Amino acid sequence: MSTSPTLPVDEALPRLSELSIVDVRTPGEFATGHLPGAVNIPLDRVEARLADLRQAADRRPLLLVCASGARSEKAAVTLASHGIPATSLAGGTRGWSTAGHPLTYPPGPVRGVWAMERQVRFTAGAVVLLGLLLGLSVHPAFSLLSAAIAGGLVFSALTDTCGMAVVLGRLPWNRRGEGDVRPR
């Protein structure tokens, strides 16, 4: 996979007002804090929103953001394959907040939604334990459930994709609507 251009946090801060900022995390993650002025278009919706993203990129440079920079780089590569230039924020929102820069929160109470990586680790661990417990107490064939998760984790690491994250991203707490990058 080719890498996309990245913008370090210290260079992004003074340029926020001249950028169209698109956060590609799930809506649940977005609600736990995002860059000022960011709109939310989850990674799995980027291709469906190409027309809007192209218009936004024509107005101002696109800065893509996620938790660590990995998903935003994937989104930038996807957009580049469609002729839409975009840059990824190096370090993502973690790098942004670690540098002491403010995050914006939606109005109302903030629900504690775990980051997608944490949701994947929890789910994978729970399914592996369930498979082992059922394999020991009910039938040995249930151990195959643990083996399937292990195989999925190896595949995920080798391909730098995560099917479990795609599935978890469709759960209600990770789906809350997405931002509008069109001018108002």
N, C-alpha and C. Protein backbone atom coordinates (compact mmCIF):
# COMPACT_ATOMS: atom_id res chain seq x y z
N MET A 1 0.84 -1.17 0.00
CA MET A 1 0.00 0.00 0.00
C MET A 1 0.88 1.23 0.00
N SER A 2 0.60 2.18 -0.86
CA SER A 2 1.40 3.39 -0.89
C SER A 2 1.00 4.29 0.27
N THR A 3 1.92 5.14 0.67
CA THR A 3 1.62 6.03 1.78
C THR A 3 1.14 7.37 1.23
N SER A 4 0.34 8.05 2.02
CA SER A 4 -0.19 9.35 1.62
C SER A 4 0.65 10.43 2.28
N PRO A 5 0.54 11.66 1.78
CA PRO A 5 1.24 12.75 2.46
C PRO A 5 0.67 12.94 3.86
N THR A 6 1.53 13.26 4.79
CA THR A 6 1.07 13.53 6.16
C THR A 6 1.45 14.94 6.55
N LEU A 7 0.70 15.47 7.50
CA LEU A 7 0.95 16.80 8.02
C LEU A 7 1.17 16.67 9.53
N PRO A 8 2.34 17.08 10.01
CA PRO A 8 2.59 17.00 11.46
C PRO A 8 1.64 17.91 12.23
N VAL A 9 1.34 17.53 13.45
CA VAL A 9 0.41 18.28 14.31
C VAL A 9 0.83 19.74 14.43
N ASP A 10 2.12 19.99 14.66
CA ASP A 10 2.56 21.38 14.86
C ASP A 10 2.40 22.24 13.61
N GLU A 11 2.37 21.62 12.44
CA GLU A 11 2.14 22.37 11.20
C GLU A 11 0.64 22.50 10.91
N ALA A 12 -0.15 21.59 11.41
CA ALA A 12 -1.60 21.63 11.17
C ALA A 12 -2.28 22.72 11.99
N LEU A 13 -1.83 22.91 13.22
CA LEU A 13 -2.49 23.86 14.13
C LEU A 13 -2.68 25.25 13.51
N PRO A 14 -1.63 25.88 12.98
CA PRO A 14 -1.84 27.23 12.44
C PRO A 14 -2.63 27.25 11.13
N ARG A 15 -2.85 26.10 10.52
CA ARG A 15 -3.53 26.04 9.22
C ARG A 15 -4.98 25.57 9.32
N LEU A 16 -5.50 25.33 10.51
CA LEU A 16 -6.85 24.76 10.65
C LEU A 16 -7.91 25.52 9.87
N SER A 17 -7.85 26.85 9.90
CA SER A 17 -8.89 27.65 9.25
C SER A 17 -8.84 27.57 7.73
N GLU A 18 -7.73 27.10 7.17
CA GLU A 18 -7.63 27.01 5.72
C GLU A 18 -7.82 25.59 5.20
N LEU A 19 -8.17 24.66 6.08
CA LEU A 19 -8.31 23.25 5.71
C LEU A 19 -9.75 22.78 5.87
N SER A 20 -10.15 21.83 5.04
CA SER A 20 -11.39 21.09 5.26
C SER A 20 -10.98 19.84 6.03
N ILE A 21 -11.42 19.74 7.27
CA ILE A 21 -11.00 18.65 8.15
C ILE A 21 -12.08 17.58 8.18
N VAL A 22 -11.69 16.36 7.82
CA VAL A 22 -12.62 15.23 7.78
C VAL A 22 -12.08 14.15 8.71
N ASP A 23 -12.87 13.81 9.72
CA ASP A 23 -12.52 12.76 10.68
C ASP A 23 -13.13 11.46 10.19
N VAL A 24 -12.29 10.45 9.96
CA VAL A 24 -12.78 9.20 9.37
C VAL A 24 -13.03 8.11 10.42
N ARG A 25 -13.05 8.47 11.70
CA ARG A 25 -13.39 7.50 12.74
C ARG A 25 -14.89 7.25 12.75
N THR A 26 -15.31 6.29 13.54
CA THR A 26 -16.75 6.03 13.66
C THR A 26 -17.41 7.21 14.36
N PRO A 27 -18.72 7.39 14.16
CA PRO A 27 -19.41 8.48 14.85
C PRO A 27 -19.27 8.41 16.37
N GLY A 28 -19.25 7.20 16.92
CA GLY A 28 -19.07 7.08 18.37
C GLY A 28 -17.72 7.60 18.81
N GLU A 29 -16.67 7.28 18.07
CA GLU A 29 -15.34 7.79 18.40
C GLU A 29 -15.28 9.30 18.20
N PHE A 30 -15.88 9.79 17.13
CA PHE A 30 -15.91 11.22 16.83
C PHE A 30 -16.53 11.99 17.99
N ALA A 31 -17.58 11.43 18.58
CA ALA A 31 -18.29 12.09 19.69
C ALA A 31 -17.43 12.20 20.94
N THR A 32 -16.36 11.42 21.04
CA THR A 32 -15.51 11.48 22.23
C THR A 32 -14.44 12.57 22.11
N GLY A 33 -14.48 13.36 21.06
CA GLY A 33 -13.57 14.48 20.89
C GLY A 33 -12.93 14.46 19.51
N HIS A 34 -12.95 15.63 18.85
CA HIS A 34 -12.40 15.74 17.50
C HIS A 34 -11.76 17.11 17.30
N LEU A 35 -11.01 17.27 16.24
CA LEU A 35 -10.39 18.55 15.94
C LEU A 35 -11.46 19.61 15.70
N PRO A 36 -11.18 20.84 16.10
CA PRO A 36 -12.14 21.91 15.85
C PRO A 36 -12.45 22.04 14.36
N GLY A 37 -13.73 22.14 14.04
CA GLY A 37 -14.15 22.31 12.65
C GLY A 37 -14.24 21.03 11.84
N ALA A 38 -13.93 19.89 12.45
CA ALA A 38 -13.95 18.62 11.71
C ALA A 38 -15.38 18.15 11.47
N VAL A 39 -15.56 17.49 10.34
CA VAL A 39 -16.82 16.79 10.06
C VAL A 39 -16.51 15.30 10.06
N ASN A 40 -17.51 14.51 10.32
CA ASN A 40 -17.32 13.07 10.45
C ASN A 40 -17.84 12.33 9.22
N ILE A 41 -16.93 11.66 8.53
CA ILE A 41 -17.28 10.74 7.45
C ILE A 41 -16.48 9.47 7.73
N PRO A 42 -17.11 8.45 8.31
CA PRO A 42 -16.39 7.22 8.65
C PRO A 42 -15.68 6.61 7.44
N LEU A 43 -14.57 5.96 7.70
CA LEU A 43 -13.76 5.37 6.64
C LEU A 43 -14.58 4.51 5.69
N ASP A 44 -15.52 3.73 6.23
CA ASP A 44 -16.30 2.86 5.36
C ASP A 44 -17.33 3.61 4.52
N ARG A 45 -17.46 4.92 4.70
CA ARG A 45 -18.38 5.75 3.92
C ARG A 45 -17.65 6.69 2.95
N VAL A 46 -16.33 6.68 2.96
CA VAL A 46 -15.56 7.61 2.14
C VAL A 46 -15.89 7.44 0.65
N GLU A 47 -15.89 6.21 0.16
CA GLU A 47 -16.16 6.01 -1.27
C GLU A 47 -17.57 6.45 -1.65
N ALA A 48 -18.52 6.29 -0.76
CA ALA A 48 -19.89 6.71 -1.04
C ALA A 48 -20.01 8.24 -1.06
N ARG A 49 -19.07 8.92 -0.46
CA ARG A 49 -19.11 10.38 -0.36
C ARG A 49 -18.08 11.07 -1.25
N LEU A 50 -17.59 10.38 -2.27
CA LEU A 50 -16.54 10.92 -3.14
C LEU A 50 -16.92 12.27 -3.75
N ALA A 51 -18.14 12.42 -4.21
CA ALA A 51 -18.55 13.69 -4.84
C ALA A 51 -18.44 14.84 -3.85
N ASP A 52 -18.94 14.65 -2.64
CA ASP A 52 -18.85 15.69 -1.61
C ASP A 52 -17.40 16.00 -1.25
N LEU A 53 -16.59 14.94 -1.13
CA LEU A 53 -15.19 15.13 -0.77
C LEU A 53 -14.42 15.82 -1.89
N ARG A 54 -14.75 15.52 -3.13
CA ARG A 54 -14.11 16.20 -4.27
C ARG A 54 -14.43 17.70 -4.23
N GLN A 55 -15.69 18.04 -3.98
CA GLN A 55 -16.08 19.45 -3.90
C GLN A 55 -15.36 20.15 -2.74
N ALA A 56 -15.27 19.48 -1.61
CA ALA A 56 -14.58 20.07 -0.46
C ALA A 56 -13.11 20.28 -0.79
N ALA A 57 -12.48 19.31 -1.46
CA ALA A 57 -11.06 19.43 -1.82
C ALA A 57 -10.84 20.54 -2.85
N ASP A 58 -11.84 20.80 -3.68
CA ASP A 58 -11.73 21.89 -4.65
C ASP A 58 -11.76 23.26 -3.96
N ARG A 59 -12.44 23.34 -2.82
CA ARG A 59 -12.54 24.60 -2.08
C ARG A 59 -11.31 24.84 -1.20
N ARG A 60 -10.94 23.81 -0.46
CA ARG A 60 -9.81 23.92 0.48
C ARG A 60 -9.12 22.56 0.57
N PRO A 61 -7.83 22.54 0.90
CA PRO A 61 -7.14 21.26 1.03
C PRO A 61 -7.80 20.39 2.10
N LEU A 62 -7.87 19.09 1.82
CA LEU A 62 -8.46 18.14 2.76
C LEU A 62 -7.41 17.65 3.75
N LEU A 63 -7.76 17.70 5.02
CA LEU A 63 -6.95 17.09 6.07
C LEU A 63 -7.79 15.98 6.68
N LEU A 64 -7.31 14.75 6.56
CA LEU A 64 -8.02 13.59 7.09
C LEU A 64 -7.45 13.22 8.44
N VAL A 65 -8.34 12.86 9.37
CA VAL A 65 -7.94 12.59 10.75
C VAL A 65 -8.61 11.31 11.23
N CYS A 66 -7.89 10.55 12.06
CA CYS A 66 -8.46 9.41 12.77
C CYS A 66 -7.81 9.38 14.15
N ALA A 67 -7.85 8.28 14.83
CA ALA A 67 -7.27 8.21 16.18
C ALA A 67 -5.74 8.27 16.15
N SER A 68 -5.13 7.50 15.24
CA SER A 68 -3.67 7.41 15.24
C SER A 68 -3.01 7.84 13.94
N GLY A 69 -3.77 7.94 12.88
CA GLY A 69 -3.24 8.28 11.56
C GLY A 69 -3.33 7.13 10.57
N ALA A 70 -3.59 5.91 11.03
CA ALA A 70 -3.63 4.75 10.14
C ALA A 70 -4.86 4.78 9.22
N ARG A 71 -6.04 4.98 9.80
CA ARG A 71 -7.26 5.00 8.98
C ARG A 71 -7.29 6.22 8.06
N SER A 72 -6.80 7.36 8.55
CA SER A 72 -6.80 8.55 7.70
C SER A 72 -5.84 8.37 6.53
N GLU A 73 -4.74 7.66 6.73
CA GLU A 73 -3.83 7.37 5.61
C GLU A 73 -4.53 6.48 4.59
N LYS A 74 -5.27 5.48 5.06
CA LYS A 74 -6.02 4.61 4.13
C LYS A 74 -7.03 5.44 3.34
N ALA A 75 -7.72 6.35 4.03
CA ALA A 75 -8.70 7.20 3.35
C ALA A 75 -8.01 8.09 2.32
N ALA A 76 -6.83 8.63 2.65
CA ALA A 76 -6.10 9.48 1.71
C ALA A 76 -5.68 8.70 0.47
N VAL A 77 -5.25 7.47 0.67
CA VAL A 77 -4.87 6.62 -0.46
C VAL A 77 -6.10 6.33 -1.33
N THR A 78 -7.24 6.05 -0.70
CA THR A 78 -8.48 5.81 -1.44
C THR A 78 -8.85 7.05 -2.25
N LEU A 79 -8.81 8.21 -1.63
CA LEU A 79 -9.16 9.44 -2.34
C LEU A 79 -8.18 9.70 -3.48
N ALA A 80 -6.89 9.47 -3.25
CA ALA A 80 -5.89 9.68 -4.30
C ALA A 80 -6.16 8.78 -5.50
N SER A 81 -6.65 7.56 -5.25
CA SER A 81 -6.95 6.65 -6.36
C SER A 81 -8.12 7.16 -7.20
N HIS A 82 -8.88 8.11 -6.66
CA HIS A 82 -9.99 8.73 -7.38
C HIS A 82 -9.64 10.16 -7.81
N GLY A 83 -8.35 10.51 -7.71
CA GLY A 83 -7.91 11.83 -8.14
C GLY A 83 -8.23 12.97 -7.19
N ILE A 84 -8.47 12.64 -5.92
CA ILE A 84 -8.79 13.67 -4.92
C ILE A 84 -7.61 13.79 -3.97
N PRO A 85 -6.92 14.92 -3.98
CA PRO A 85 -5.77 15.08 -3.08
C PRO A 85 -6.21 15.26 -1.63
N ALA A 86 -5.49 14.62 -0.73
CA ALA A 86 -5.78 14.73 0.69
C ALA A 86 -4.51 14.44 1.48
N THR A 87 -4.46 14.99 2.67
CA THR A 87 -3.33 14.79 3.57
C THR A 87 -3.86 14.18 4.86
N SER A 88 -3.04 13.35 5.49
CA SER A 88 -3.41 12.71 6.75
C SER A 88 -2.68 13.40 7.90
N LEU A 89 -3.38 13.61 9.01
CA LEU A 89 -2.75 14.20 10.20
C LEU A 89 -1.88 13.16 10.87
N ALA A 90 -0.59 13.41 10.93
CA ALA A 90 0.35 12.47 11.56
C ALA A 90 0.01 12.35 13.05
N GLY A 91 -0.17 11.12 13.51
CA GLY A 91 -0.48 10.89 14.92
C GLY A 91 -1.95 10.99 15.27
N GLY A 92 -2.78 11.49 14.36
CA GLY A 92 -4.21 11.56 14.58
C GLY A 92 -4.62 12.40 15.79
N THR A 93 -5.82 12.14 16.29
CA THR A 93 -6.32 12.91 17.43
C THR A 93 -5.50 12.64 18.68
N ARG A 94 -4.91 11.45 18.78
CA ARG A 94 -4.04 11.17 19.94
C ARG A 94 -2.85 12.11 19.93
N GLY A 95 -2.20 12.22 18.77
CA GLY A 95 -1.05 13.12 18.65
C GLY A 95 -1.45 14.57 18.88
N TRP A 96 -2.63 14.93 18.40
CA TRP A 96 -3.15 16.28 18.55
C TRP A 96 -3.34 16.62 20.04
N SER A 97 -4.05 15.75 20.76
CA SER A 97 -4.31 16.04 22.18
C SER A 97 -3.05 15.88 23.03
N THR A 98 -2.17 14.95 22.66
CA THR A 98 -0.91 14.80 23.40
C THR A 98 -0.06 16.06 23.29
N ALA A 99 -0.16 16.75 22.15
CA ALA A 99 0.58 18.00 21.97
C ALA A 99 -0.08 19.16 22.72
N GLY A 100 -1.19 18.89 23.40
CA GLY A 100 -1.85 19.91 24.21
C GLY A 100 -2.87 20.75 23.46
N HIS A 101 -3.25 20.33 22.26
CA HIS A 101 -4.22 21.10 21.49
C HIS A 101 -5.63 20.66 21.84
N PRO A 102 -6.58 21.59 21.76
CA PRO A 102 -7.94 21.28 22.20
C PRO A 102 -8.72 20.40 21.23
N LEU A 103 -9.61 19.62 21.80
CA LEU A 103 -10.57 18.84 21.03
C LEU A 103 -11.94 19.48 21.21
N THR A 104 -12.80 19.28 20.25
CA THR A 104 -14.17 19.78 20.31
C THR A 104 -15.09 18.61 20.61
N TYR A 105 -16.13 18.87 21.38
CA TYR A 105 -17.08 17.82 21.74
C TYR A 105 -18.47 18.24 21.31
N PRO A 106 -19.31 17.28 20.93
CA PRO A 106 -20.68 17.62 20.55
C PRO A 106 -21.44 18.13 21.77
N PRO A 107 -22.52 18.90 21.54
CA PRO A 107 -23.31 19.37 22.68
C PRO A 107 -23.96 18.20 23.40
N GLY A 108 -24.20 18.38 24.68
CA GLY A 108 -24.84 17.33 25.48
C GLY A 108 -23.80 16.43 26.11
N PRO A 109 -24.28 15.42 26.82
CA PRO A 109 -23.36 14.51 27.50
C PRO A 109 -22.58 13.67 26.49
N VAL A 110 -21.31 13.45 26.79
CA VAL A 110 -20.47 12.62 25.93
C VAL A 110 -20.57 11.19 26.42
N ARG A 111 -21.01 10.31 25.52
CA ARG A 111 -21.06 8.89 25.86
C ARG A 111 -19.67 8.32 25.74
N GLY A 112 -19.33 7.46 26.66
CA GLY A 112 -18.01 6.84 26.63
C GLY A 112 -17.96 5.70 25.63
N VAL A 113 -17.59 5.99 24.39
CA VAL A 113 -17.45 4.96 23.37
C VAL A 113 -15.97 4.63 23.25
N TRP A 114 -15.66 3.37 23.31
CA TRP A 114 -14.28 2.95 23.18
C TRP A 114 -13.78 3.19 21.77
N ALA A 115 -12.48 3.43 21.65
CA ALA A 115 -11.86 3.53 20.34
C ALA A 115 -12.02 2.18 19.63
N MET A 116 -12.05 2.21 18.30
CA MET A 116 -12.28 0.99 17.53
C MET A 116 -11.24 -0.08 17.84
N GLU A 117 -9.99 0.30 17.96
CA GLU A 117 -8.93 -0.68 18.26
C GLU A 117 -9.23 -1.40 19.58
N ARG A 118 -9.70 -0.65 20.57
CA ARG A 118 -10.03 -1.26 21.86
C ARG A 118 -11.24 -2.18 21.74
N GLN A 119 -12.25 -1.78 20.95
CA GLN A 119 -13.41 -2.64 20.73
C GLN A 119 -13.00 -3.95 20.06
N VAL A 120 -12.08 -3.87 19.10
CA VAL A 120 -11.62 -5.08 18.41
C VAL A 120 -10.87 -5.99 19.37
N ARG A 121 -9.97 -5.42 20.18
CA ARG A 121 -9.22 -6.25 21.14
C ARG A 121 -10.16 -6.94 22.12
N PHE A 122 -11.15 -6.19 22.63
CA PHE A 122 -12.10 -6.77 23.57
C PHE A 122 -12.90 -7.90 22.93
N THR A 123 -13.44 -7.65 21.74
CA THR A 123 -14.26 -8.65 21.06
C THR A 123 -13.44 -9.89 20.73
N ALA A 124 -12.25 -9.69 20.18
CA ALA A 124 -11.41 -10.85 19.83
C ALA A 124 -11.08 -11.66 21.08
N GLY A 125 -10.70 -10.99 22.15
CA GLY A 125 -10.37 -11.69 23.39
C GLY A 125 -11.56 -12.44 23.96
N ALA A 126 -12.74 -11.79 23.93
CA ALA A 126 -13.94 -12.43 24.47
C ALA A 126 -14.33 -13.67 23.66
N VAL A 127 -14.23 -13.58 22.34
CA VAL A 127 -14.59 -14.72 21.50
C VAL A 127 -13.58 -15.86 21.67
N VAL A 128 -12.30 -15.53 21.80
CA VAL A 128 -11.28 -16.57 22.03
C VAL A 128 -11.56 -17.28 23.36
N LEU A 129 -11.82 -16.50 24.42
CA LEU A 129 -12.13 -17.12 25.72
C LEU A 129 -13.40 -17.97 25.64
N LEU A 130 -14.42 -17.46 24.98
CA LEU A 130 -15.66 -18.22 24.83
C LEU A 130 -15.41 -19.54 24.11
N GLY A 131 -14.64 -19.49 23.03
CA GLY A 131 -14.32 -20.70 22.28
C GLY A 131 -13.57 -21.72 23.12
N LEU A 132 -12.61 -21.22 23.92
CA LEU A 132 -11.85 -22.13 24.78
C LEU A 132 -12.73 -22.74 25.87
N LEU A 133 -13.55 -21.90 26.52
CA LEU A 133 -14.43 -22.41 27.57
C LEU A 133 -15.44 -23.42 27.03
N LEU A 134 -16.07 -23.10 25.91
CA LEU A 134 -17.03 -24.03 25.32
C LEU A 134 -16.33 -25.30 24.82
N GLY A 135 -15.11 -25.14 24.31
CA GLY A 135 -14.35 -26.30 23.85
C GLY A 135 -14.00 -27.25 24.97
N LEU A 136 -13.74 -26.70 26.16
CA LEU A 136 -13.41 -27.54 27.31
C LEU A 136 -14.64 -28.12 27.99
N SER A 137 -15.75 -27.37 28.00
CA SER A 137 -16.91 -27.81 28.77
C SER A 137 -18.05 -28.40 27.95
N VAL A 138 -18.17 -28.05 26.68
CA VAL A 138 -19.31 -28.52 25.88
C VAL A 138 -18.86 -29.52 24.81
N HIS A 139 -18.03 -29.04 23.91
CA HIS A 139 -17.57 -29.91 22.82
C HIS A 139 -16.25 -29.36 22.28
N PRO A 140 -15.27 -30.22 22.03
CA PRO A 140 -13.97 -29.75 21.54
C PRO A 140 -14.04 -28.94 20.24
N ALA A 141 -15.06 -29.13 19.45
CA ALA A 141 -15.17 -28.40 18.18
C ALA A 141 -15.29 -26.90 18.40
N PHE A 142 -15.79 -26.48 19.57
CA PHE A 142 -15.90 -25.04 19.86
C PHE A 142 -14.52 -24.36 19.91
N SER A 143 -13.46 -25.14 20.10
CA SER A 143 -12.11 -24.57 20.09
C SER A 143 -11.77 -23.99 18.72
N LEU A 144 -12.46 -24.46 17.69
CA LEU A 144 -12.24 -23.91 16.35
C LEU A 144 -12.62 -22.44 16.27
N LEU A 145 -13.54 -22.01 17.13
CA LEU A 145 -13.90 -20.60 17.19
C LEU A 145 -12.68 -19.76 17.56
N SER A 146 -11.92 -20.22 18.55
CA SER A 146 -10.69 -19.53 18.95
C SER A 146 -9.68 -19.54 17.82
N ALA A 147 -9.56 -20.68 17.14
CA ALA A 147 -8.62 -20.78 16.02
C ALA A 147 -9.01 -19.83 14.89
N ALA A 148 -10.31 -19.68 14.64
CA ALA A 148 -10.77 -18.78 13.58
C ALA A 148 -10.41 -17.32 13.91
N ILE A 149 -10.57 -16.93 15.16
CA ILE A 149 -10.21 -15.57 15.56
C ILE A 149 -8.71 -15.37 15.43
N ALA A 150 -7.93 -16.35 15.86
CA ALA A 150 -6.48 -16.25 15.72
C ALA A 150 -6.08 -16.10 14.25
N GLY A 151 -6.68 -16.90 13.39
CA GLY A 151 -6.41 -16.78 11.96
C GLY A 151 -6.81 -15.42 11.41
N GLY A 152 -7.93 -14.91 11.88
CA GLY A 152 -8.38 -13.57 11.46
C GLY A 152 -7.42 -12.48 11.90
N LEU A 153 -6.87 -12.61 13.10
CA LEU A 153 -5.91 -11.62 13.59
C LEU A 153 -4.62 -11.65 12.77
N VAL A 154 -4.17 -12.85 12.42
CA VAL A 154 -2.96 -12.96 11.58
C VAL A 154 -3.23 -12.35 10.21
N PHE A 155 -4.38 -12.68 9.61
CA PHE A 155 -4.75 -12.11 8.31
C PHE A 155 -4.83 -10.59 8.39
N SER A 156 -5.41 -10.09 9.48
CA SER A 156 -5.55 -8.65 9.68
C SER A 156 -4.18 -7.98 9.73
N ALA A 157 -3.25 -8.58 10.42
CA ALA A 157 -1.90 -8.01 10.51
C ALA A 157 -1.18 -8.05 9.17
N LEU A 158 -1.33 -9.14 8.44
CA LEU A 158 -0.63 -9.29 7.16
C LEU A 158 -1.19 -8.35 6.08
N THR A 159 -2.49 -8.11 6.11
CA THR A 159 -3.12 -7.29 5.07
C THR A 159 -3.36 -5.85 5.51
N ASP A 160 -3.14 -5.54 6.78
CA ASP A 160 -3.41 -4.22 7.35
C ASP A 160 -4.87 -3.82 7.13
N THR A 161 -5.75 -4.81 7.28
CA THR A 161 -7.19 -4.58 7.23
C THR A 161 -7.80 -5.23 8.46
N CYS A 162 -9.03 -4.92 8.75
CA CYS A 162 -9.65 -5.56 9.90
C CYS A 162 -11.14 -5.73 9.67
N GLY A 163 -11.51 -6.95 9.33
CA GLY A 163 -12.92 -7.27 9.11
C GLY A 163 -13.75 -7.08 10.36
N MET A 164 -13.17 -7.38 11.52
CA MET A 164 -13.91 -7.23 12.77
C MET A 164 -14.23 -5.76 13.02
N ALA A 165 -13.30 -4.86 12.69
CA ALA A 165 -13.54 -3.43 12.87
C ALA A 165 -14.66 -2.96 11.95
N VAL A 166 -14.72 -3.52 10.75
CA VAL A 166 -15.79 -3.17 9.81
C VAL A 166 -17.14 -3.57 10.40
N VAL A 167 -17.21 -4.79 10.93
CA VAL A 167 -18.46 -5.27 11.53
C VAL A 167 -18.82 -4.44 12.76
N LEU A 168 -17.86 -4.22 13.64
CA LEU A 168 -18.13 -3.43 14.85
C LEU A 168 -18.53 -1.99 14.51
N GLY A 169 -17.97 -1.47 13.44
CA GLY A 169 -18.29 -0.11 13.02
C GLY A 169 -19.76 0.06 12.62
N ARG A 170 -20.43 -1.04 12.37
CA ARG A 170 -21.85 -0.98 11.97
C ARG A 170 -22.80 -1.10 13.16
N LEU A 171 -22.27 -1.29 14.35
CA LEU A 171 -23.13 -1.40 15.53
C LEU A 171 -23.70 -0.03 15.90
N PRO A 172 -24.85 0.01 16.54
CA PRO A 172 -25.54 1.27 16.78
C PRO A 172 -24.71 2.35 17.50
N TRP A 173 -23.91 1.97 18.48
CA TRP A 173 -23.15 2.99 19.21
C TRP A 173 -22.01 3.56 18.37
N ASN A 174 -21.67 2.90 17.27
CA ASN A 174 -20.64 3.42 16.38
C ASN A 174 -21.24 4.12 15.16
N ARG A 175 -22.54 4.22 15.08
CA ARG A 175 -23.24 4.83 13.95
C ARG A 175 -24.14 5.94 14.44
N ARG A 176 -23.80 7.15 14.22
CA ARG A 176 -24.66 8.23 14.66
C ARG A 176 -24.83 9.29 13.60
N GLY A 177 -24.74 9.07 12.39
CA GLY A 177 -24.80 10.14 11.41
C GLY A 177 -23.40 10.61 11.08
N GLU A 178 -23.31 11.36 10.03
CA GLU A 178 -21.99 11.80 9.59
C GLU A 178 -22.07 13.25 9.16
N GLY A 179 -20.93 13.87 9.07
CA GLY A 179 -20.86 15.29 8.77
C GLY A 179 -21.11 15.64 7.32
N ASP A 180 -21.34 16.91 7.10
CA ASP A 180 -21.59 17.45 5.78
C ASP A 180 -20.41 18.34 5.40
N VAL A 181 -19.70 17.97 4.35
CA VAL A 181 -18.55 18.77 3.92
C VAL A 181 -18.93 19.77 2.85
N ARG A 182 -20.23 19.79 2.46
CA ARG A 182 -20.67 20.75 1.45
C ARG A 182 -20.80 22.14 2.07
N PRO A 183 -20.61 23.19 1.26
CA PRO A 183 -20.74 24.54 1.81
C PRO A 183 -22.18 24.83 2.20
N ARG A 184 -22.33 25.68 3.19
CA ARG A 184 -23.68 26.02 3.67
C ARG A 184 -24.08 27.38 3.17
